[in-house]
Amino acid sequence: EWLQSVQAMMILSVIFSVLSLFWFFCQLFTLTKGGRFYITAFFQILAGLCVMSGAAIFTVRHTDWQQASENTSYGFAYILAWLAFPLALASGIIYVILRKRE
């Protein structure tokens, strides 16, 4: 059950990131001058929170799935997930600050 919730969180984060990209392009052409990209920022921050939730669940429940030993490691995908979390949040904050120019 917990592994499915991790998979669901990661899939949701990808979906929210794609929605963020879609809304960015829509707002890029329809937003008035000086407007802010709030919808894009919302979806990007939501994607970052989903990545954090999935990685946190995996961190807590990792020993249920794999026996603890000296050779146990998390792997590169685990590190990439934790790197994606602050990058997605920073991207969302930048979208809030960003204003549309001419």
PDB file of N, CA and C in Angstrom:
ATOM      1  N   GLU A   1       0.818  -1.201   0.000  1.00  0.00           N
ATOM      2  CA  GLU A   1       0.000   0.000   0.000  1.00  0.00           C
ATOM      3  C   GLU A   1       0.861   1.263   0.000  1.00  0.00           C
ATOM      4  N   TRP A   2       1.909   1.276   0.803  1.00  0.00           N
ATOM      5  CA  TRP A   2       2.739   2.482   0.889  1.00  0.00           C
ATOM      6  C   TRP A   2       3.512   2.698  -0.396  1.00  0.00           C
ATOM      7  N   LEU A   3       3.910   1.626  -1.058  1.00  0.00           N
ATOM      8  CA  LEU A   3       4.638   1.777  -2.310  1.00  0.00           C
ATOM      9  C   LEU A   3       3.728   2.349  -3.399  1.00  0.00           C
ATOM     10  N   GLN A   4       2.472   1.968  -3.388  1.00  0.00           N
ATOM     11  CA  GLN A   4       1.517   2.534  -4.335  1.00  0.00           C
ATOM     12  C   GLN A   4       1.261   4.007  -4.056  1.00  0.00           C
ATOM     13  N   SER A   5       1.270   4.392  -2.782  1.00  0.00           N
ATOM     14  CA  SER A   5       1.087   5.812  -2.467  1.00  0.00           C
ATOM     15  C   SER A   5       2.301   6.632  -2.911  1.00  0.00           C
ATOM     16  N   VAL A   6       3.506   6.055  -2.809  1.00  0.00           N
ATOM     17  CA  VAL A   6       4.706   6.743  -3.306  1.00  0.00           C
ATOM     18  C   VAL A   6       4.618   6.902  -4.812  1.00  0.00           C
ATOM     19  N   GLN A   7       4.212   5.835  -5.503  1.00  0.00           N
ATOM     20  CA  GLN A   7       4.064   5.909  -6.957  1.00  0.00           C
ATOM     21  C   GLN A   7       3.009   6.935  -7.354  1.00  0.00           C
ATOM     22  N   ALA A   8       1.913   6.974  -6.618  1.00  0.00           N
ATOM     23  CA  ALA A   8       0.850   7.938  -6.914  1.00  0.00           C
ATOM     24  C   ALA A   8       1.330   9.373  -6.712  1.00  0.00           C
ATOM     25  N   MET A   9       2.076   9.607  -5.655  1.00  0.00           N
ATOM     26  CA  MET A   9       2.601  10.960  -5.406  1.00  0.00           C
ATOM     27  C   MET A   9       3.552  11.399  -6.516  1.00  0.00           C
ATOM     28  N   MET A  10       4.398  10.507  -6.956  1.00  0.00           N
ATOM     29  CA  MET A  10       5.341  10.856  -8.018  1.00  0.00           C
ATOM     30  C   MET A  10       4.626  11.096  -9.344  1.00  0.00           C
ATOM     31  N   ILE A  11       3.604  10.291  -9.634  1.00  0.00           N
ATOM     32  CA  ILE A  11       2.825  10.499 -10.856  1.00  0.00           C
ATOM     33  C   ILE A  11       2.064  11.812 -10.778  1.00  0.00           C
ATOM     34  N   LEU A  12       1.498  12.116  -9.614  1.00  0.00           N
ATOM     35  CA  LEU A  12       0.817  13.403  -9.437  1.00  0.00           C
ATOM     36  C   LEU A  12       1.778  14.573  -9.611  1.00  0.00           C
ATOM     37  N   SER A  13       2.997  14.421  -9.148  1.00  0.00           N
ATOM     38  CA  SER A  13       3.959  15.514  -9.307  1.00  0.00           C
ATOM     39  C   SER A  13       4.296  15.741 -10.771  1.00  0.00           C
ATOM     40  N   VAL A  14       4.395  14.675 -11.543  1.00  0.00           N
ATOM     41  CA  VAL A  14       4.641  14.820 -12.979  1.00  0.00           C
ATOM     42  C   VAL A  14       3.446  15.489 -13.657  1.00  0.00           C
ATOM     43  N   ILE A  15       2.244  15.075 -13.285  1.00  0.00           N
ATOM     44  CA  ILE A  15       1.039  15.677 -13.859  1.00  0.00           C
ATOM     45  C   ILE A  15       0.963  17.163 -13.518  1.00  0.00           C
ATOM     46  N   PHE A  16       1.231  17.519 -12.266  1.00  0.00           N
ATOM     47  CA  PHE A  16       1.197  18.930 -11.869  1.00  0.00           C
ATOM     48  C   PHE A  16       2.288  19.741 -12.566  1.00  0.00           C
ATOM     49  N   SER A  17       3.433  19.138 -12.796  1.00  0.00           N
ATOM     50  CA  SER A  17       4.505  19.843 -13.520  1.00  0.00           C
ATOM     51  C   SER A  17       4.110  20.101 -14.967  1.00  0.00           C
ATOM     52  N   VAL A  18       3.486  19.118 -15.602  1.00  0.00           N
ATOM     53  CA  VAL A  18       3.026  19.297 -16.986  1.00  0.00           C
ATOM     54  C   VAL A  18       1.913  20.348 -17.038  1.00  0.00           C
ATOM     55  N   LEU A  19       1.008  20.316 -16.071  1.00  0.00           N
ATOM     56  CA  LEU A  19      -0.034  21.346 -16.004  1.00  0.00           C
ATOM     57  C   LEU A  19       0.575  22.726 -15.795  1.00  0.00           C
ATOM     58  N   SER A  20       1.601  22.797 -14.986  1.00  0.00           N
ATOM     59  CA  SER A  20       2.286  24.063 -14.764  1.00  0.00           C
ATOM     60  C   SER A  20       2.894  24.591 -16.059  1.00  0.00           C
ATOM     61  N   LEU A  21       3.527  23.711 -16.800  1.00  0.00           N
ATOM     62  CA  LEU A  21       4.101  24.117 -18.082  1.00  0.00           C
ATOM     63  C   LEU A  21       3.022  24.571 -19.055  1.00  0.00           C
ATOM     64  N   PHE A  22       1.922  23.832 -19.108  1.00  0.00           N
ATOM     65  CA  PHE A  22       0.803  24.202 -19.984  1.00  0.00           C
ATOM     66  C   PHE A  22       0.231  25.571 -19.615  1.00  0.00           C
ATOM     67  N   TRP A  23       0.000  25.791 -18.308  1.00  0.00           N
ATOM     68  CA  TRP A  23      -0.542  27.075 -17.865  1.00  0.00           C
ATOM     69  C   TRP A  23       0.442  28.220 -18.089  1.00  0.00           C
ATOM     70  N   PHE A  24       1.733  27.911 -17.996  1.00  0.00           N
ATOM     71  CA  PHE A  24       2.723  28.946 -18.265  1.00  0.00           C
ATOM     72  C   PHE A  24       2.615  29.429 -19.702  1.00  0.00           C
ATOM     73  N   PHE A  25       2.518  28.490 -20.640  1.00  0.00           N
ATOM     74  CA  PHE A  25       2.390  28.901 -22.042  1.00  0.00           C
ATOM     75  C   PHE A  25       1.069  29.618 -22.305  1.00  0.00           C
ATOM     76  N   CYS A  26       0.002  29.161 -21.665  1.00  0.00           N
ATOM     77  CA  CYS A  26      -1.291  29.849 -21.831  1.00  0.00           C
ATOM     78  C   CYS A  26      -1.234  31.265 -21.264  1.00  0.00           C
ATOM     79  N   GLN A  27      -0.674  31.398 -20.077  1.00  0.00           N
ATOM     80  CA  GLN A  27      -0.591  32.721 -19.463  1.00  0.00           C
ATOM     81  C   GLN A  27       0.416  33.612 -20.174  1.00  0.00           C
ATOM     82  N   LEU A  28       1.395  33.035 -20.790  1.00  0.00           N
ATOM     83  CA  LEU A  28       2.404  33.812 -21.501  1.00  0.00           C
ATOM     84  C   LEU A  28       1.774  34.601 -22.640  1.00  0.00           C
ATOM     85  N   PHE A  29       0.759  34.025 -23.282  1.00  0.00           N
ATOM     86  CA  PHE A  29       0.121  34.685 -24.415  1.00  0.00           C
ATOM     87  C   PHE A  29      -1.157  35.429 -24.046  1.00  0.00           C
ATOM     88  N   THR A  30      -1.767  35.138 -22.909  1.00  0.00           N
ATOM     89  CA  THR A  30      -3.039  35.776 -22.566  1.00  0.00           C
ATOM     90  C   THR A  30      -2.951  36.755 -21.401  1.00  0.00           C
ATOM     91  N   LEU A  31      -1.899  36.700 -20.625  1.00  0.00           N
ATOM     92  CA  LEU A  31      -1.772  37.549 -19.445  1.00  0.00           C
ATOM     93  C   LEU A  31      -1.471  38.991 -19.853  1.00  0.00           C
ATOM     94  N   THR A  32      -2.025  39.919 -19.113  1.00  0.00           N
ATOM     95  CA  THR A  32      -1.756  41.324 -19.409  1.00  0.00           C
ATOM     96  C   THR A  32      -0.347  41.688 -18.955  1.00  0.00           C
ATOM     97  N   LYS A  33       0.149  42.791 -19.478  1.00  0.00           N
ATOM     98  CA  LYS A  33       1.496  43.244 -19.132  1.00  0.00           C
ATOM     99  C   LYS A  33       1.573  43.536 -17.631  1.00  0.00           C
ATOM    100  N   GLY A  34       2.598  43.041 -17.005  1.00  0.00           N
ATOM    101  CA  GLY A  34       2.783  43.242 -15.568  1.00  0.00           C
ATOM    102  C   GLY A  34       2.086  42.217 -14.705  1.00  0.00           C
ATOM    103  N   GLY A  35       1.341  41.298 -15.319  1.00  0.00           N
ATOM    104  CA  GLY A  35       0.628  40.270 -14.562  1.00  0.00           C
ATOM    105  C   GLY A  35       1.585  39.208 -14.028  1.00  0.00           C
ATOM    106  N   ARG A  36       1.144  38.524 -13.013  1.00  0.00           N
ATOM    107  CA  ARG A  36       1.974  37.481 -12.399  1.00  0.00           C
ATOM    108  C   ARG A  36       1.409  36.093 -12.755  1.00  0.00           C
ATOM    109  N   PHE A  37       2.267  35.110 -12.713  1.00  0.00           N
ATOM    110  CA  PHE A  37       1.930  33.747 -13.107  1.00  0.00           C
ATOM    111  C   PHE A  37       1.494  32.926 -11.887  1.00  0.00           C
ATOM    112  N   TYR A  38       0.370  33.295 -11.276  1.00  0.00           N
ATOM    113  CA  TYR A  38      -0.067  32.656 -10.043  1.00  0.00           C
ATOM    114  C   TYR A  38      -0.523  31.213 -10.251  1.00  0.00           C
ATOM    115  N   ILE A  39      -1.259  30.948 -11.323  1.00  0.00           N
ATOM    116  CA  ILE A  39      -1.754  29.587 -11.566  1.00  0.00           C
ATOM    117  C   ILE A  39      -0.585  28.641 -11.824  1.00  0.00           C
ATOM    118  N   THR A  40       0.374  29.114 -12.607  1.00  0.00           N
ATOM    119  CA  THR A  40       1.566  28.314 -12.887  1.00  0.00           C
ATOM    120  C   THR A  40       2.324  28.026 -11.594  1.00  0.00           C
ATOM    121  N   ALA A  41       2.474  29.022 -10.764  1.00  0.00           N
ATOM    122  CA  ALA A  41       3.181  28.853  -9.497  1.00  0.00           C
ATOM    123  C   ALA A  41       2.462  27.864  -8.587  1.00  0.00           C
ATOM    124  N   PHE A  42       1.135  27.941  -8.560  1.00  0.00           N
ATOM    125  CA  PHE A  42       0.354  27.034  -7.725  1.00  0.00           C
ATOM    126  C   PHE A  42       0.606  25.579  -8.107  1.00  0.00           C
ATOM    127  N   PHE A  43       0.542  25.276  -9.391  1.00  0.00           N
ATOM    128  CA  PHE A  43       0.747  23.900  -9.828  1.00  0.00           C
ATOM    129  C   PHE A  43       2.188  23.447  -9.616  1.00  0.00           C
ATOM    130  N   GLN A  44       3.136  24.340  -9.767  1.00  0.00           N
ATOM    131  CA  GLN A  44       4.540  23.957  -9.568  1.00  0.00           C
ATOM    132  C   GLN A  44       4.834  23.693  -8.087  1.00  0.00           C
ATOM    133  N   ILE A  45       4.291  24.510  -7.210  1.00  0.00           N
ATOM    134  CA  ILE A  45       4.468  24.275  -5.772  1.00  0.00           C
ATOM    135  C   ILE A  45       3.768  22.995  -5.345  1.00  0.00           C
ATOM    136  N   LEU A  46       2.599  22.731  -5.918  1.00  0.00           N
ATOM    137  CA  LEU A  46       1.888  21.488  -5.644  1.00  0.00           C
ATOM    138  C   LEU A  46       2.705  20.276  -6.094  1.00  0.00           C
ATOM    139  N   ALA A  47       3.365  20.385  -7.234  1.00  0.00           N
ATOM    140  CA  ALA A  47       4.230  19.312  -7.720  1.00  0.00           C
ATOM    141  C   ALA A  47       5.387  19.085  -6.749  1.00  0.00           C
ATOM    142  N   GLY A  48       5.975  20.156  -6.249  1.00  0.00           N
ATOM    143  CA  GLY A  48       7.058  20.026  -5.285  1.00  0.00           C
ATOM    144  C   GLY A  48       6.611  19.365  -3.993  1.00  0.00           C
ATOM    145  N   LEU A  49       5.422  19.693  -3.533  1.00  0.00           N
ATOM    146  CA  LEU A  49       4.910  19.080  -2.304  1.00  0.00           C
ATOM    147  C   LEU A  49       4.596  17.599  -2.504  1.00  0.00           C
ATOM    148  N   CYS A  50       4.134  17.235  -3.698  1.00  0.00           N
ATOM    149  CA  CYS A  50       3.888  15.818  -3.987  1.00  0.00           C
ATOM    150  C   CYS A  50       5.195  15.028  -4.024  1.00  0.00           C
ATOM    151  N   VAL A  51       6.235  15.613  -4.601  1.00  0.00           N
ATOM    152  CA  VAL A  51       7.542  14.953  -4.602  1.00  0.00           C
ATOM    153  C   VAL A  51       8.038  14.771  -3.174  1.00  0.00           C
ATOM    154  N   MET A  52       7.890  15.792  -2.354  1.00  0.00           N
ATOM    155  CA  MET A  52       8.333  15.698  -0.967  1.00  0.00           C
ATOM    156  C   MET A  52       7.559  14.616  -0.217  1.00  0.00           C
ATOM    157  N   SER A  53       6.259  14.557  -0.423  1.00  0.00           N
ATOM    158  CA  SER A  53       5.443  13.545   0.264  1.00  0.00           C
ATOM    159  C   SER A  53       5.848  12.138  -0.149  1.00  0.00           C
ATOM    160  N   GLY A  54       6.023  11.933  -1.445  1.00  0.00           N
ATOM    161  CA  GLY A  54       6.415  10.611  -1.920  1.00  0.00           C
ATOM    162  C   GLY A  54       7.777  10.196  -1.415  1.00  0.00           C
ATOM    163  N   ALA A  55       8.738  11.101  -1.450  1.00  0.00           N
ATOM    164  CA  ALA A  55      10.084  10.781  -0.972  1.00  0.00           C
ATOM    165  C   ALA A  55      10.094  10.564   0.541  1.00  0.00           C
ATOM    166  N   ALA A  56       9.291  11.313   1.267  1.00  0.00           N
ATOM    167  CA  ALA A  56       9.238  11.145   2.722  1.00  0.00           C
ATOM    168  C   ALA A  56       8.611   9.802   3.101  1.00  0.00           C
ATOM    169  N   ILE A  57       7.552   9.413   2.413  1.00  0.00           N
ATOM    170  CA  ILE A  57       6.933   8.118   2.677  1.00  0.00           C
ATOM    171  C   ILE A  57       7.925   7.001   2.377  1.00  0.00           C
ATOM    172  N   PHE A  58       8.639   7.115   1.263  1.00  0.00           N
ATOM    173  CA  PHE A  58       9.619   6.100   0.907  1.00  0.00           C
ATOM    174  C   PHE A  58      10.748   6.031   1.925  1.00  0.00           C
ATOM    175  N   THR A  59      11.157   7.178   2.438  1.00  0.00           N
ATOM    176  CA  THR A  59      12.230   7.209   3.434  1.00  0.00           C
ATOM    177  C   THR A  59      11.820   6.477   4.703  1.00  0.00           C
ATOM    178  N   VAL A  60      10.609   6.704   5.139  1.00  0.00           N
ATOM    179  CA  VAL A  60      10.140   6.104   6.389  1.00  0.00           C
ATOM    180  C   VAL A  60       9.915   4.603   6.235  1.00  0.00           C
ATOM    181  N   ARG A  61       9.350   4.187   5.103  1.00  0.00           N
ATOM    182  CA  ARG A  61       8.951   2.792   4.926  1.00  0.00           C
ATOM    183  C   ARG A  61       9.957   1.943   4.155  1.00  0.00           C
ATOM    184  N   HIS A  62      11.122   2.473   3.842  1.00  0.00           N
ATOM    185  CA  HIS A  62      12.109   1.768   3.032  1.00  0.00           C
ATOM    186  C   HIS A  62      12.548   0.449   3.666  1.00  0.00           C
ATOM    187  N   THR A  63      12.657   0.409   4.975  1.00  0.00           N
ATOM    188  CA  THR A  63      13.120  -0.817   5.634  1.00  0.00           C
ATOM    189  C   THR A  63      12.065  -1.918   5.615  1.00  0.00           C
ATOM    190  N   ASP A  64      10.785  -1.585   5.381  1.00  0.00           N
ATOM    191  CA  ASP A  64       9.745  -2.611   5.260  1.00  0.00           C
ATOM    192  C   ASP A  64       9.911  -3.418   3.977  1.00  0.00           C
ATOM    193  N   TRP A  65      10.498  -2.792   2.987  1.00  0.00           N
ATOM    194  CA  TRP A  65      10.601  -3.390   1.666  1.00  0.00           C
ATOM    195  C   TRP A  65      11.930  -4.112   1.470  1.00  0.00           C
ATOM    196  N   GLN A  66      12.986  -3.582   2.035  1.00  0.00           N
ATOM    197  CA  GLN A  66      14.314  -4.141   1.858  1.00  0.00           C
ATOM    198  C   GLN A  66      14.927  -4.398   3.230  1.00  0.00           C
ATOM    199  N   GLN A  67      15.523  -5.552   3.399  1.00  0.00           N
ATOM    200  CA  GLN A  67      16.132  -5.895   4.673  1.00  0.00           C
ATOM    201  C   GLN A  67      17.327  -4.989   4.951  1.00  0.00           C
ATOM    202  N   ALA A  68      17.430  -4.523   6.168  1.00  0.00           N
ATOM    203  CA  ALA A  68      18.536  -3.642   6.550  1.00  0.00           C
ATOM    204  C   ALA A  68      19.831  -4.446   6.604  1.00  0.00           C
ATOM    205  N   SER A  69      20.836  -3.968   5.902  1.00  0.00           N
ATOM    206  CA  SER A  69      22.145  -4.601   5.930  1.00  0.00           C
ATOM    207  C   SER A  69      23.201  -3.531   5.665  1.00  0.00           C
ATOM    208  N   GLU A  70      24.447  -3.939   5.637  1.00  0.00           N
ATOM    209  CA  GLU A  70      25.526  -2.975   5.407  1.00  0.00           C
ATOM    210  C   GLU A  70      25.565  -2.496   3.965  1.00  0.00           C
ATOM    211  N   ASN A  71      25.070  -3.300   3.028  1.00  0.00           N
ATOM    212  CA  ASN A  71      25.130  -2.957   1.609  1.00  0.00           C
ATOM    213  C   ASN A  71      23.875  -2.256   1.108  1.00  0.00           C
ATOM    214  N   THR A  72      22.962  -1.895   1.992  1.00  0.00           N
ATOM    215  CA  THR A  72      21.717  -1.251   1.588  1.00  0.00           C
ATOM    216  C   THR A  72      21.974   0.204   1.219  1.00  0.00           C
ATOM    217  N   SER A  73      21.478   0.600   0.041  1.00  0.00           N
ATOM    218  CA  SER A  73      21.578   2.001  -0.368  1.00  0.00           C
ATOM    219  C   SER A  73      20.270   2.409  -1.027  1.00  0.00           C
ATOM    220  N   TYR A  74      20.027   3.694  -1.072  1.00  0.00           N
ATOM    221  CA  TYR A  74      18.778   4.194  -1.639  1.00  0.00           C
ATOM    222  C   TYR A  74      18.819   4.289  -3.158  1.00  0.00           C
ATOM    223  N   GLY A  75      19.930   4.630  -3.735  1.00  0.00           N
ATOM    224  CA  GLY A  75      20.032   4.719  -5.179  1.00  0.00           C
ATOM    225  C   GLY A  75      19.929   6.142  -5.686  1.00  0.00           C
ATOM    226  N   PHE A  76      20.198   6.297  -6.987  1.00  0.00           N
ATOM    227  CA  PHE A  76      20.248   7.640  -7.563  1.00  0.00           C
ATOM    228  C   PHE A  76      18.865   8.258  -7.731  1.00  0.00           C
ATOM    229  N   ALA A  77      17.817   7.455  -7.951  1.00  0.00           N
ATOM    230  CA  ALA A  77      16.472   8.003  -8.130  1.00  0.00           C
ATOM    231  C   ALA A  77      15.961   8.644  -6.839  1.00  0.00           C
ATOM    232  N   TYR A  78      16.348   8.085  -5.727  1.00  0.00           N
ATOM    233  CA  TYR A  78      15.976   8.646  -4.433  1.00  0.00           C
ATOM    234  C   TYR A  78      16.618  10.017  -4.247  1.00  0.00           C
ATOM    235  N   ILE A  79      17.879  10.122  -4.615  1.00  0.00           N
ATOM    236  CA  ILE A  79      18.584  11.407  -4.520  1.00  0.00           C
ATOM    237  C   ILE A  79      17.976  12.422  -5.480  1.00  0.00           C
ATOM    238  N   LEU A  80      17.630  11.975  -6.687  1.00  0.00           N
ATOM    239  CA  LEU A  80      16.996  12.876  -7.646  1.00  0.00           C
ATOM    240  C   LEU A  80      15.640  13.377  -7.157  1.00  0.00           C
ATOM    241  N   ALA A  81      14.900  12.520  -6.461  1.00  0.00           N
ATOM    242  CA  ALA A  81      13.608  12.949  -5.920  1.00  0.00           C
ATOM    243  C   ALA A  81      13.794  14.051  -4.880  1.00  0.00           C
ATOM    244  N   TRP A  82      14.788  13.896  -3.995  1.00  0.00           N
ATOM    245  CA  TRP A  82      15.017  14.930  -2.985  1.00  0.00           C
ATOM    246  C   TRP A  82      15.602  16.195  -3.604  1.00  0.00           C
ATOM    247  N   LEU A  83      16.309  16.078  -4.721  1.00  0.00           N
ATOM    248  CA  LEU A  83      16.779  17.275  -5.415  1.00  0.00           C
ATOM    249  C   LEU A  83      15.642  17.975  -6.162  1.00  0.00           C
ATOM    250  N   ALA A  84      14.683  17.197  -6.642  1.00  0.00           N
ATOM    251  CA  ALA A  84      13.551  17.773  -7.369  1.00  0.00           C
ATOM    252  C   ALA A  84      12.641  18.586  -6.451  1.00  0.00           C
ATOM    253  N   PHE A  85      12.566  18.205  -5.197  1.00  0.00           N
ATOM    254  CA  PHE A  85      11.694  18.915  -4.257  1.00  0.00           C
ATOM    255  C   PHE A  85      12.067  20.391  -4.092  1.00  0.00           C
ATOM    256  N   PRO A  86      13.297  20.743  -3.706  1.00  0.00           N
ATOM    257  CA  PRO A  86      13.594  22.177  -3.566  1.00  0.00           C
ATOM    258  C   PRO A  86      13.613  22.909  -4.905  1.00  0.00           C
ATOM    259  N   LEU A  87      13.976  22.213  -5.976  1.00  0.00           N
ATOM    260  CA  LEU A  87      13.979  22.868  -7.279  1.00  0.00           C
ATOM    261  C   LEU A  87      12.567  23.212  -7.732  1.00  0.00           C
ATOM    262  N   ALA A  88      11.607  22.328  -7.488  1.00  0.00           N
ATOM    263  CA  ALA A  88      10.221  22.605  -7.851  1.00  0.00           C
ATOM    264  C   ALA A  88       9.651  23.738  -7.000  1.00  0.00           C
ATOM    265  N   LEU A  89       9.973  23.743  -5.714  1.00  0.00           N
ATOM    266  CA  LEU A  89       9.498  24.837  -4.862  1.00  0.00           C
ATOM    267  C   LEU A  89      10.125  26.169  -5.265  1.00  0.00           C
ATOM    268  N   ALA A  90      11.407  26.152  -5.570  1.00  0.00           N
ATOM    269  CA  ALA A  90      12.065  27.385  -6.011  1.00  0.00           C
ATOM    270  C   ALA A  90      11.474  27.871  -7.329  1.00  0.00           C
ATOM    271  N   SER A  91      11.178  26.949  -8.219  1.00  0.00           N
ATOM    272  CA  SER A  91      10.551  27.309  -9.489  1.00  0.00           C
ATOM    273  C   SER A  91       9.179  27.943  -9.258  1.00  0.00           C
ATOM    274  N   GLY A  92       8.400  27.381  -8.332  1.00  0.00           N
ATOM    275  CA  GLY A  92       7.089  27.950  -8.024  1.00  0.00           C
ATOM    276  C   GLY A  92       7.192  29.338  -7.425  1.00  0.00           C
ATOM    277  N   ILE A  93       8.174  29.553  -6.555  1.00  0.00           N
ATOM    278  CA  ILE A  93       8.363  30.879  -5.961  1.00  0.00           C
ATOM    279  C   ILE A  93       8.805  31.881  -7.024  1.00  0.00           C
ATOM    280  N   ILE A  94       9.644  31.447  -7.927  1.00  0.00           N
ATOM    281  CA  ILE A  94      10.078  32.333  -9.018  1.00  0.00           C
ATOM    282  C   ILE A  94       8.900  32.706  -9.905  1.00  0.00           C
ATOM    283  N   TYR A  95       7.987  31.751 -10.146  1.00  0.00           N
ATOM    284  CA  TYR A  95       6.795  32.067 -10.939  1.00  0.00           C
ATOM    285  C   TYR A  95       5.919  33.105 -10.240  1.00  0.00           C
ATOM    286  N   VAL A  96       5.851  33.070  -8.911  1.00  0.00           N
ATOM    287  CA  VAL A  96       5.065  34.073  -8.187  1.00  0.00           C
ATOM    288  C   VAL A  96       5.697  35.456  -8.350  1.00  0.00           C
ATOM    289  N   ILE A  97       7.014  35.504  -8.299  1.00  0.00           N
ATOM    290  CA  ILE A  97       7.727  36.793  -8.405  1.00  0.00           C
ATOM    291  C   ILE A  97       7.727  37.310  -9.833  1.00  0.00           C
ATOM    292  N   LEU A  98       7.775  36.398 -10.799  1.00  0.00           N
ATOM    293  CA  LEU A  98       7.914  36.750 -12.213  1.00  0.00           C
ATOM    294  C   LEU A  98       6.734  37.574 -12.709  1.00  0.00           C
ATOM    295  N   ARG A  99       7.038  38.622 -13.463  1.00  0.00           N
ATOM    296  CA  ARG A  99       6.001  39.449 -14.095  1.00  0.00           C
ATOM    297  C   ARG A  99       6.138  39.359 -15.599  1.00  0.00           C
ATOM    298  N   LYS A 100       5.010  39.474 -16.280  1.00  0.00           N
ATOM    299  CA  LYS A 100       5.046  39.417 -17.739  1.00  0.00           C
ATOM    300  C   LYS A 100       5.514  40.752 -18.291  1.00  0.00           C
ATOM    301  N   ARG A 101       6.445  40.664 -19.246  1.00  0.00           N
ATOM    302  CA  ARG A 101       6.930  41.871 -19.933  1.00  0.00           C
ATOM    303  C   ARG A 101       6.319  41.943 -21.310  1.00  0.00           C
ATOM    304  N   GLU A 102       6.630  43.010 -22.001  1.00  0.00           N
ATOM    305  CA  GLU A 102       6.115  43.176 -23.357  1.00  0.00           C
ATOM    306  C   GLU A 102       6.725  42.179 -24.304  1.00  0.00           C
TER     307      GLU A 102
END
